[in-house]
C-alpha atoms as a PDB file:
ATOM      1  CA  MET A   1       0.000   0.000   0.000  1.00  0.00           C
ATOM      2  CA  THR A   2       1.267   3.462  -0.942  1.00  0.00           C
ATOM      3  CA  ARG A   3       2.356   5.581   2.000  1.00  0.00           C
ATOM      4  CA  PRO A   4       0.620   8.978   1.848  1.00  0.00           C
ATOM      5  CA  ALA A   5       2.640  12.129   1.354  1.00  0.00           C
ATOM      6  CA  LEU A   6       1.723  15.318   3.133  1.00  0.00           C
ATOM      7  CA  LEU A   7       0.287  17.918   0.781  1.00  0.00           C
ATOM      8  CA  VAL A   8       2.112  20.706   2.594  1.00  0.00           C
ATOM      9  CA  GLU A   9       5.456  19.001   1.873  1.00  0.00           C
ATOM     10  CA  VAL A  10       4.613  18.302  -1.763  1.00  0.00           C
ATOM     11  CA  ARG A  11       3.489  21.886  -2.238  1.00  0.00           C
ATOM     12  CA  SER A  12       6.622  23.292  -0.615  1.00  0.00           C
ATOM     13  CA  TYR A  13       8.845  21.127  -2.807  1.00  0.00           C
ATOM     14  CA  LEU A  14       7.058  22.133  -6.014  1.00  0.00           C
ATOM     15  CA  ASP A  15       7.083  25.822  -5.103  1.00  0.00           C
ATOM     16  CA  GLN A  16      10.842  25.755  -4.601  1.00  0.00           C
ATOM     17  CA  TYR A  17      11.678  23.446  -7.491  1.00  0.00           C
ATOM     18  CA  LEU A  18       9.676  25.531  -9.964  1.00  0.00           C
ATOM     19  CA  ARG A  19      10.579  28.921  -8.388  1.00  0.00           C
ATOM     20  CA  ILE A  20       6.885  29.760  -8.209  1.00  0.00           C
ATOM     21  CA  GLY A  21       7.377  32.842  -6.064  1.00  0.00           C
ATOM     22  CA  GLU A  22      10.000  34.465  -8.259  1.00  0.00           C
ATOM     23  CA  PHE A  23       8.933  33.614 -11.819  1.00  0.00           C
ATOM     24  CA  PRO A  24       6.463  36.143 -13.294  1.00  0.00           C
ATOM     25  CA  ASP A  25       3.378  35.016 -15.183  1.00  0.00           C
ATOM     26  CA  TYR A  26       0.043  36.276 -16.440  1.00  0.00           C
ATOM     27  CA  PRO A  27      -2.206  37.369 -13.550  1.00  0.00           C
ATOM     28  CA  ASN A  28      -4.801  34.647 -14.094  1.00  0.00           C
ATOM     29  CA  ALA A  29      -2.235  31.835 -14.140  1.00  0.00           C
ATOM     30  CA  LEU A  30      -2.228  31.740 -10.314  1.00  0.00           C
ATOM     31  CA  ASN A  31       0.675  29.323 -10.223  1.00  0.00           C
ATOM     32  CA  GLY A  32       0.933  26.982  -7.271  1.00  0.00           C
ATOM     33  CA  LEU A  33      -1.678  25.222  -5.183  1.00  0.00           C
ATOM     34  CA  GLN A  34      -5.093  26.342  -6.429  1.00  0.00           C
ATOM     35  CA  VAL A  35      -7.282  23.935  -4.456  1.00  0.00           C
ATOM     36  CA  GLU A  36      -6.174  22.057  -1.344  1.00  0.00           C
ATOM     37  CA  ASN A  37      -7.529  18.798   0.025  1.00  0.00           C
ATOM     38  CA  GLY A  38      -7.611  17.141   3.435  1.00  0.00           C
ATOM     39  CA  GLY A  39      -3.840  17.167   3.704  1.00  0.00           C
ATOM     40  CA  GLU A  40      -2.604  13.849   2.256  1.00  0.00           C
ATOM     41  CA  VAL A  41      -1.731  12.637  -1.239  1.00  0.00           C
ATOM     42  CA  THR A  42      -1.564   8.985  -2.296  1.00  0.00           C
ATOM     43  CA  ARG A  43      -1.277   9.443  -6.070  1.00  0.00           C
ATOM     44  CA  VAL A  44      -0.481  12.028  -8.740  1.00  0.00           C
ATOM     45  CA  VAL A  45      -2.483  12.690 -11.905  1.00  0.00           C
ATOM     46  CA  ALA A  46      -0.954  14.917 -14.578  1.00  0.00           C
ATOM     47  CA  ALA A  47      -2.814  16.762 -17.330  1.00  0.00           C
ATOM     48  CA  VAL A  48      -2.388  19.787 -19.555  1.00  0.00           C
ATOM     49  CA  ASP A  49      -5.710  21.423 -18.647  1.00  0.00           C
ATOM     50  CA  ALA A  50      -7.901  21.602 -15.550  1.00  0.00           C
ATOM     51  CA  SER A  51     -11.035  20.729 -17.520  1.00  0.00           C
ATOM     52  CA  GLN A  52     -14.058  18.973 -16.056  1.00  0.00           C
ATOM     53  CA  ALA A  53     -13.097  15.744 -17.833  1.00  0.00           C
ATOM     54  CA  THR A  54      -9.598  15.911 -16.356  1.00  0.00           C
ATOM     55  CA  ILE A  55     -10.921  16.590 -12.866  1.00  0.00           C
ATOM     56  CA  ASP A  56     -13.424  13.722 -13.185  1.00  0.00           C
ATOM     57  CA  ALA A  57     -10.613  11.373 -14.220  1.00  0.00           C
ATOM     58  CA  ALA A  58      -8.456  12.390 -11.257  1.00  0.00           C
ATOM     59  CA  ALA A  59     -11.374  12.029  -8.850  1.00  0.00           C
ATOM     60  CA  ALA A  60     -12.248   8.552 -10.116  1.00  0.00           C
ATOM     61  CA  GLY A  61      -9.200   6.849  -8.603  1.00  0.00           C
ATOM     62  CA  ASP A  62      -8.743   5.439  -5.125  1.00  0.00           C
ATOM     63  CA  GLY A  63      -7.345   7.658  -2.398  1.00  0.00           C
ATOM     64  CA  PRO A  64      -6.663  11.408  -2.253  1.00  0.00           C
ATOM     65  CA  ALA A  65      -4.926  12.697  -5.361  1.00  0.00           C
ATOM     66  CA  LEU A  66      -2.854  15.652  -6.460  1.00  0.00           C
ATOM     67  CA  LEU A  67      -3.933  16.826  -9.897  1.00  0.00           C
ATOM     68  CA  LEU A  68      -0.940  18.537 -11.510  1.00  0.00           C
ATOM     69  CA  VAL A  69      -1.781  20.733 -14.516  1.00  0.00           C
ATOM     70  CA  HIS A  70      -0.209  23.281 -16.830  1.00  0.00           C
ATOM     71  CA  HIS A  71      -3.349  25.389 -17.340  1.00  0.00           C
ATOM     72  CA  GLY A  72      -5.247  25.965 -14.105  1.00  0.00           C
ATOM     73  CA  LEU A  73      -8.786  26.892 -13.119  1.00  0.00           C
ATOM     74  CA  PHE A  74      -8.766  30.676 -13.291  1.00  0.00           C
ATOM     75  CA  TRP A  75      -7.856  31.804 -16.812  1.00  0.00           C
ATOM     76  CA  ASP A  76     -11.265  33.487 -17.128  1.00  0.00           C
ATOM     77  CA  GLY A  77     -10.462  35.802 -14.243  1.00  0.00           C
ATOM     78  CA  ASN A  78     -12.242  36.692 -11.036  1.00  0.00           C
ATOM     79  CA  GLN A  79     -15.586  34.999 -11.645  1.00  0.00           C
ATOM     80  CA  PRO A  80     -18.353  33.804  -9.302  1.00  0.00           C
ATOM     81  CA  VAL A  81     -18.180  30.188  -8.167  1.00  0.00           C
ATOM     82  CA  THR A  82     -21.184  29.204 -10.273  1.00  0.00           C
ATOM     83  CA  GLY A  83     -21.782  27.081 -13.357  1.00  0.00           C
ATOM     84  CA  ARG A  84     -18.815  25.133 -14.615  1.00  0.00           C
ATOM     85  CA  ARG A  85     -16.418  26.683 -12.071  1.00  0.00           C
ATOM     86  CA  TYR A  86     -18.665  25.466  -9.257  1.00  0.00           C
ATOM     87  CA  ARG A  87     -18.893  21.993 -10.809  1.00  0.00           C
ATOM     88  CA  ARG A  88     -15.142  21.716 -11.144  1.00  0.00           C
ATOM     89  CA  ILE A  89     -14.413  22.856  -7.596  1.00  0.00           C
ATOM     90  CA  ARG A  90     -17.235  20.732  -6.162  1.00  0.00           C
ATOM     91  CA  THR A  91     -15.794  17.622  -7.803  1.00  0.00           C
ATOM     92  CA  LEU A  92     -12.318  18.355  -6.431  1.00  0.00           C
ATOM     93  CA  LEU A  93     -13.607  18.925  -2.902  1.00  0.00           C
ATOM     94  CA  ASN A  94     -16.010  15.995  -2.895  1.00  0.00           C
ATOM     95  CA  HIS A  95     -13.224  13.602  -3.877  1.00  0.00           C
ATOM     96  CA  ASP A  96     -10.435  15.043  -1.715  1.00  0.00           C
ATOM     97  CA  THR A  97      -8.431  16.013  -4.805  1.00  0.00           C
ATOM     98  CA  ALA A  98      -5.901  18.832  -4.630  1.00  0.00           C
ATOM     99  CA  LEU A  99      -5.036  20.903  -7.697  1.00  0.00           C
ATOM    100  CA  TYR A 100      -1.629  22.430  -8.449  1.00  0.00           C
ATOM    101  CA  SER A 101      -0.927  24.496 -11.564  1.00  0.00           C
ATOM    102  CA  ALA A 102       2.395  25.493 -13.136  1.00  0.00           C
ATOM    103  CA  HIS A 103       2.361  27.626 -16.289  1.00  0.00           C
ATOM    104  CA  LEU A 104       5.391  29.734 -17.313  1.00  0.00           C
ATOM    105  CA  PRO A 105       7.527  28.378 -14.445  1.00  0.00           C
ATOM    106  CA  LEU A 106       7.118  24.958 -16.053  1.00  0.00           C
ATOM    107  CA  ASP A 107       7.537  26.145 -19.658  1.00  0.00           C
ATOM    108  CA  ALA A 108      10.883  27.694 -18.779  1.00  0.00           C
ATOM    109  CA  HIS A 109      12.199  25.177 -16.267  1.00  0.00           C
ATOM    110  CA  PRO A 110      15.826  24.340 -17.192  1.00  0.00           C
ATOM    111  CA  SER A 111      15.486  20.552 -16.890  1.00  0.00           C
ATOM    112  CA  LEU A 112      11.801  19.541 -16.911  1.00  0.00           C
ATOM    113  CA  GLY A 113      10.291  22.436 -18.856  1.00  0.00           C
ATOM    114  CA  ASN A 114       8.252  22.060 -22.019  1.00  0.00           C
ATOM    115  CA  ASN A 115      10.778  24.017 -24.070  1.00  0.00           C
ATOM    116  CA  ILE A 116      13.970  22.280 -23.011  1.00  0.00           C
ATOM    117  CA  LEU A 117      12.406  18.817 -23.220  1.00  0.00           C
ATOM    118  CA  LEU A 118      11.187  19.399 -26.763  1.00  0.00           C
ATOM    119  CA  ALA A 119      14.611  20.757 -27.714  1.00  0.00           C
ATOM    120  CA  HIS A 120      16.243  17.588 -26.384  1.00  0.00           C
ATOM    121  CA  ARG A 121      13.691  15.366 -28.162  1.00  0.00           C
ATOM    122  CA  LEU A 122      14.564  17.173 -31.388  1.00  0.00           C
ATOM    123  CA  GLN A 123      18.259  16.643 -30.619  1.00  0.00           C
ATOM    124  CA  LEU A 124      19.013  20.338 -30.941  1.00  0.00           C
ATOM    125  CA  ASP A 125      22.463  21.465 -29.890  1.00  0.00           C
ATOM    126  CA  VAL A 126      21.103  23.759 -27.171  1.00  0.00           C
ATOM    127  CA  ARG A 127      23.028  27.001 -26.777  1.00  0.00           C
ATOM    128  CA  GLY A 128      20.864  29.400 -24.805  1.00  0.00           C
ATOM    129  CA  TRP A 129      17.601  31.113 -23.946  1.00  0.00           C
ATOM    130  CA  PHE A 130      15.633  33.971 -25.493  1.00  0.00           C
ATOM    131  CA  GLY A 131      12.227  35.640 -25.397  1.00  0.00           C
ATOM    132  CA  SER A 132      12.020  37.790 -22.276  1.00  0.00           C
ATOM    133  CA  TYR A 133       8.799  37.998 -20.282  1.00  0.00           C
ATOM    134  CA  GLN A 134       9.091  40.533 -17.460  1.00  0.00           C
ATOM    135  CA  GLY A 135      12.828  40.024 -17.296  1.00  0.00           C
ATOM    136  CA  HIS A 136      12.839  36.222 -17.517  1.00  0.00           C
ATOM    137  CA  ASN A 137      13.659  34.327 -20.716  1.00  0.00           C
ATOM    138  CA  VAL A 138      11.140  31.596 -21.482  1.00  0.00           C
ATOM    139  CA  GLY A 139      12.358  30.198 -24.835  1.00  0.00           C
ATOM    140  CA  VAL A 140      15.258  27.910 -25.619  1.00  0.00           C
ATOM    141  CA  TRP A 141      17.311  27.805 -28.811  1.00  0.00           C
ATOM    142  CA  GLY A 142      19.938  25.597 -30.383  1.00  0.00           C
ATOM    143  CA  TYR A 143      21.506  24.483 -33.640  1.00  0.00           C
ATOM    144  CA  ALA A 144      19.699  21.961 -35.789  1.00  0.00           C
ATOM    145  CA  THR A 145      21.456  18.645 -36.307  1.00  0.00           C
ATOM    146  CA  HIS A 146      21.949  16.835 -39.589  1.00  0.00           C
ATOM    147  CA  SER A 147      18.818  14.726 -39.010  1.00  0.00           C
ATOM    148  CA  HIS A 148      16.700  17.892 -39.333  1.00  0.00           C
ATOM    149  CA  ALA A 149      18.553  19.369 -42.265  1.00  0.00           C
ATOM    150  CA  THR A 150      15.429  20.692 -43.983  1.00  0.00           C
ATOM    151  CA  ARG A 151      12.153  22.290 -42.941  1.00  0.00           C
ATOM    152  CA  GLY A 152      10.356  19.153 -44.068  1.00  0.00           C
ATOM    153  CA  ALA A 153      12.545  16.883 -41.975  1.00  0.00           C
ATOM    154  CA  LEU A 154      12.020  19.103 -38.929  1.00  0.00           C
ATOM    155  CA  GLY A 155       8.258  18.953 -39.417  1.00  0.00           C
ATOM    156  CA  GLU A 156       8.341  15.171 -39.757  1.00  0.00           C
ATOM    157  CA  ALA A 157      10.366  14.877 -36.562  1.00  0.00           C
ATOM    158  CA  LEU A 158       7.849  17.009 -34.665  1.00  0.00           C
ATOM    159  CA  GLU A 159       4.965  14.951 -36.034  1.00  0.00           C
ATOM    160  CA  ALA A 160       6.578  11.749 -34.749  1.00  0.00           C
ATOM    161  CA  ILE A 161       7.787  13.105 -31.396  1.00  0.00           C
ATOM    162  CA  LEU A 162       4.484  14.726 -30.492  1.00  0.00           C
ATOM    163  CA  GLY A 163       2.248  12.034 -31.950  1.00  0.00           C
ATOM    164  CA  LEU A 164       0.429  14.495 -34.197  1.00  0.00           C
ATOM    165  CA  ALA A 165      -2.506  13.307 -36.303  1.00  0.00           C
ATOM    166  CA  SER A 166      -1.221  15.392 -39.237  1.00  0.00           C
ATOM    167  CA  PRO A 167       1.978  17.275 -40.089  1.00  0.00           C
ATOM    168  CA  PRO A 168       2.540  20.587 -38.288  1.00  0.00           C
ATOM    169  CA  ARG A 169       1.841  23.827 -40.111  1.00  0.00           C
ATOM    170  CA  VAL A 170       5.076  25.232 -41.505  1.00  0.00           C
ATOM    171  CA  ILE A 171       5.226  28.851 -42.625  1.00  0.00           C
ATOM    172  CA  ALA A 172       8.264  28.854 -44.889  1.00  0.00           C
ATOM    173  CA  GLY A 173       9.521  32.380 -44.350  1.00  0.00           C
ATOM    174  CA  GLY A 174      13.134  31.416 -43.672  1.00  0.00           C
ATOM    175  CA  PRO A 175      15.783  29.169 -45.190  1.00  0.00           C
ATOM    176  CA  GLU A 176      15.041  25.681 -46.471  1.00  0.00           C
ATOM    177  CA  ARG A 177      17.801  24.344 -44.231  1.00  0.00           C
ATOM    178  CA  PRO A 178      17.181  25.471 -40.616  1.00  0.00           C
ATOM    179  CA  SER A 179      20.202  26.334 -38.522  1.00  0.00           C
ATOM    180  CA  ARG A 180      19.324  28.334 -35.399  1.00  0.00           C
ATOM    181  CA  VAL A 181      16.051  26.922 -34.049  1.00  0.00           C
ATOM    182  CA  GLY A 182      14.057  28.376 -31.155  1.00  0.00           C
ATOM    183  CA  ILE A 183      11.181  26.907 -29.146  1.00  0.00           C
ATOM    184  CA  VAL A 184       8.455  28.471 -27.034  1.00  0.00           C
ATOM    185  CA  THR A 185       5.628  25.976 -26.615  1.00  0.00           C
ATOM    186  CA  GLY A 186       1.913  26.783 -26.457  1.00  0.00           C
ATOM    187  CA  GLY A 187       0.345  29.912 -27.903  1.00  0.00           C
ATOM    188  CA  ALA A 188       3.523  31.905 -28.522  1.00  0.00           C
ATOM    189  CA  GLY A 189       2.967  33.186 -32.057  1.00  0.00           C
ATOM    190  CA  SER A 190       3.409  36.677 -30.613  1.00  0.00           C
ATOM    191  CA  MET A 191       7.059  35.855 -29.911  1.00  0.00           C
ATOM    192  CA  ILE A 192       8.142  35.595 -33.549  1.00  0.00           C
ATOM    193  CA  ALA A 193       9.746  39.035 -33.235  1.00  0.00           C
ATOM    194  CA  ALA A 194      11.706  37.857 -30.197  1.00  0.00           C
ATOM    195  CA  ALA A 195      12.964  34.881 -32.193  1.00  0.00           C
ATOM    196  CA  ARG A 196      13.971  37.188 -35.026  1.00  0.00           C
ATOM    197  CA  ASP A 197      15.767  39.530 -32.635  1.00  0.00           C
ATOM    198  CA  ALA A 198      17.660  36.555 -31.187  1.00  0.00           C
ATOM    199  CA  GLY A 199      19.038  35.802 -34.655  1.00  0.00           C
ATOM    200  CA  LEU A 200      17.028  32.618 -35.159  1.00  0.00           C
ATOM    201  CA  ASP A 201      15.934  31.430 -38.576  1.00  0.00           C
ATOM    202  CA  THR A 202      13.306  28.926 -37.377  1.00  0.00           C
ATOM    203  CA  PHE A 203      10.769  29.215 -34.554  1.00  0.00           C
ATOM    204  CA  ILE A 204       8.654  26.357 -33.174  1.00  0.00           C
ATOM    205  CA  THR A 205       5.545  26.976 -31.103  1.00  0.00           C
ATOM    206  CA  GLY A 206       2.003  25.669 -30.739  1.00  0.00           C
ATOM    207  CA  GLU A 207      -0.235  28.221 -32.397  1.00  0.00           C
ATOM    208  CA  GLY A 208      -0.525  31.831 -33.455  1.00  0.00           C
ATOM    209  CA  SER A 209      -2.784  34.479 -34.962  1.00  0.00           C
ATOM    210  CA  HIS A 210      -3.546  35.008 -38.646  1.00  0.00           C
ATOM    211  CA  HIS A 211      -1.175  37.962 -39.006  1.00  0.00           C
ATOM    212  CA  THR A 212       1.804  35.870 -37.927  1.00  0.00           C
ATOM    213  CA  TYR A 213       1.948  34.438 -41.443  1.00  0.00           C
ATOM    214  CA  PHE A 214       3.064  37.850 -42.675  1.00  0.00           C
ATOM    215  CA  ASP A 215       5.384  38.281 -39.702  1.00  0.00           C
ATOM    216  CA  ALA A 216       7.173  35.089 -40.696  1.00  0.00           C
ATOM    217  CA  MET A 217       7.293  35.818 -44.416  1.00  0.00           C
ATOM    218  CA  GLU A 218       8.361  39.457 -44.129  1.00  0.00           C
ATOM    219  CA  TRP A 219      10.880  38.927 -41.327  1.00  0.00           C
ATOM    220  CA  GLY A 220      12.485  35.948 -43.047  1.00  0.00           C
ATOM    221  CA  ILE A 221      11.910  33.290 -40.405  1.00  0.00           C
ATOM    222  CA  ASN A 222      10.401  29.812 -40.583  1.00  0.00           C
ATOM    223  CA  VAL A 223       7.527  29.366 -38.134  1.00  0.00           C
ATOM    224  CA  VAL A 224       6.255  25.918 -37.211  1.00  0.00           C
ATOM    225  CA  TYR A 225       2.873  25.538 -35.496  1.00  0.00           C
ATOM    226  CA  ALA A 226       2.780  22.077 -33.931  1.00  0.00           C
ATOM    227  CA  GLY A 227      -0.284  22.502 -31.697  1.00  0.00           C
ATOM    228  CA  HIS A 228      -0.796  24.178 -28.342  1.00  0.00           C
ATOM    229  CA  TYR A 229      -1.832  21.008 -26.532  1.00  0.00           C
ATOM    230  CA  ALA A 230       0.709  18.738 -28.210  1.00  0.00           C
ATOM    231  CA  THR A 231       3.689  20.961 -27.434  1.00  0.00           C
ATOM    232  CA  GLU A 232       2.740  21.308 -23.757  1.00  0.00           C
ATOM    233  CA  ARG A 233       2.394  17.682 -22.708  1.00  0.00           C
ATOM    234  CA  LEU A 234       6.045  16.962 -22.143  1.00  0.00           C
ATOM    235  CA  GLY A 235       6.698  19.172 -19.135  1.00  0.00           C
ATOM    236  CA  VAL A 236       3.750  18.207 -16.970  1.00  0.00           C
ATOM    237  CA  GLU A 237       4.359  14.505 -17.651  1.00  0.00           C
ATOM    238  CA  ALA A 238       8.017  14.824 -16.708  1.00  0.00           C
ATOM    239  CA  LEU A 239       7.210  16.855 -13.607  1.00  0.00           C
ATOM    240  CA  ALA A 240       4.614  14.335 -12.424  1.00  0.00           C
ATOM    241  CA  GLY A 241       7.065  11.485 -12.871  1.00  0.00           C
ATOM    242  CA  HIS A 242       9.757  13.391 -10.997  1.00  0.00           C
ATOM    243  CA  LEU A 243       7.400  14.268  -8.161  1.00  0.00           C
ATOM    244  CA  ALA A 244       6.015  10.750  -7.871  1.00  0.00           C
ATOM    245  CA  GLN A 245       9.506   9.279  -7.685  1.00  0.00           C
ATOM    246  CA  ARG A 246      10.611  11.725  -5.023  1.00  0.00           C
ATOM    247  CA  PHE A 247       7.604  11.030  -2.787  1.00  0.00           C
ATOM    248  CA  GLY A 248       7.125   7.354  -3.646  1.00  0.00           C
ATOM    249  CA  LEU A 249       3.721   7.814  -5.261  1.00  0.00           C
ATOM    250  CA  PRO A 250       2.098   6.245  -8.331  1.00  0.00           C
ATOM    251  CA  TRP A 251       1.212   8.588 -11.166  1.00  0.00           C
ATOM    252  CA  LYS A 252      -0.569   8.643 -14.498  1.00  0.00           C
ATOM    253  CA  PHE A 253      -1.228  11.093 -17.317  1.00  0.00           C
ATOM    254  CA  HIS A 254      -4.758  12.008 -18.366  1.00  0.00           C
ATOM    255  CA  ASP A 255      -4.753  12.687 -22.099  1.00  0.00           C
ATOM    256  CA  GLN A 256      -7.427  15.053 -23.423  1.00  0.00           C
ATOM    257  CA  PRO A 257      -6.131  16.357 -26.759  1.00  0.00           C
ATOM    258  CA  THR A 258      -7.900  19.375 -28.193  1.00  0.00           C
ATOM    259  CA  GLY A 259      -6.490  19.283 -31.706  1.00  0.00           C
ATOM    260  CA  LEU A 260      -5.473  22.928 -31.255  1.00  0.00           C
END
């Protein structure tokens, strides 16, 4: 039988490991423990989003759980606890399930972050960070290896690594043979200019707005949209595995792809 971990100890470890208190983020991210439980954790469930389906899946297991997500409960701001917000919180409380969210602190984590993990999966020769948000760089960049010598080969590698149902969208604004490749996972189409300013010729992210096509073409940079959800699975899975190993807990990943 799994020995319970104390939620207060798990929370303290995550806060320090992810630098929750010192890493800036959007106001509605509310990084850290968003919903507490009775004080013990016997299992960890990881997911990208704190959706109702994800919460239901975490609540369905035996024993008090910690649901670890990348996108938390409060992206819609300071709203009344009614409707779907009430249903989500009620399910968590009724099933003694705690919820912890880590957004930009997880994206930019130097070992278990979404960006660095995807860079390693792509076998980039990682050289540094770029893309400042309130004084903290969130993106990682490196040199492409021979296995990704063309835009097409890079797209095929992303399709395989991320398990995409179709090839990623490639806006061919830069060279056919990528050299300096940057990554900011999720919805970071607005950071194409930051990639350009960092001297990169290829930028990988999840999604972006319509006008980013012209940004890529007119600034001379390849932009690859591989999906918001797909590019942000890696970090929360790795973090859950790390946390479970440290505290001797079982863990699983709840997959709810959005196709976006």
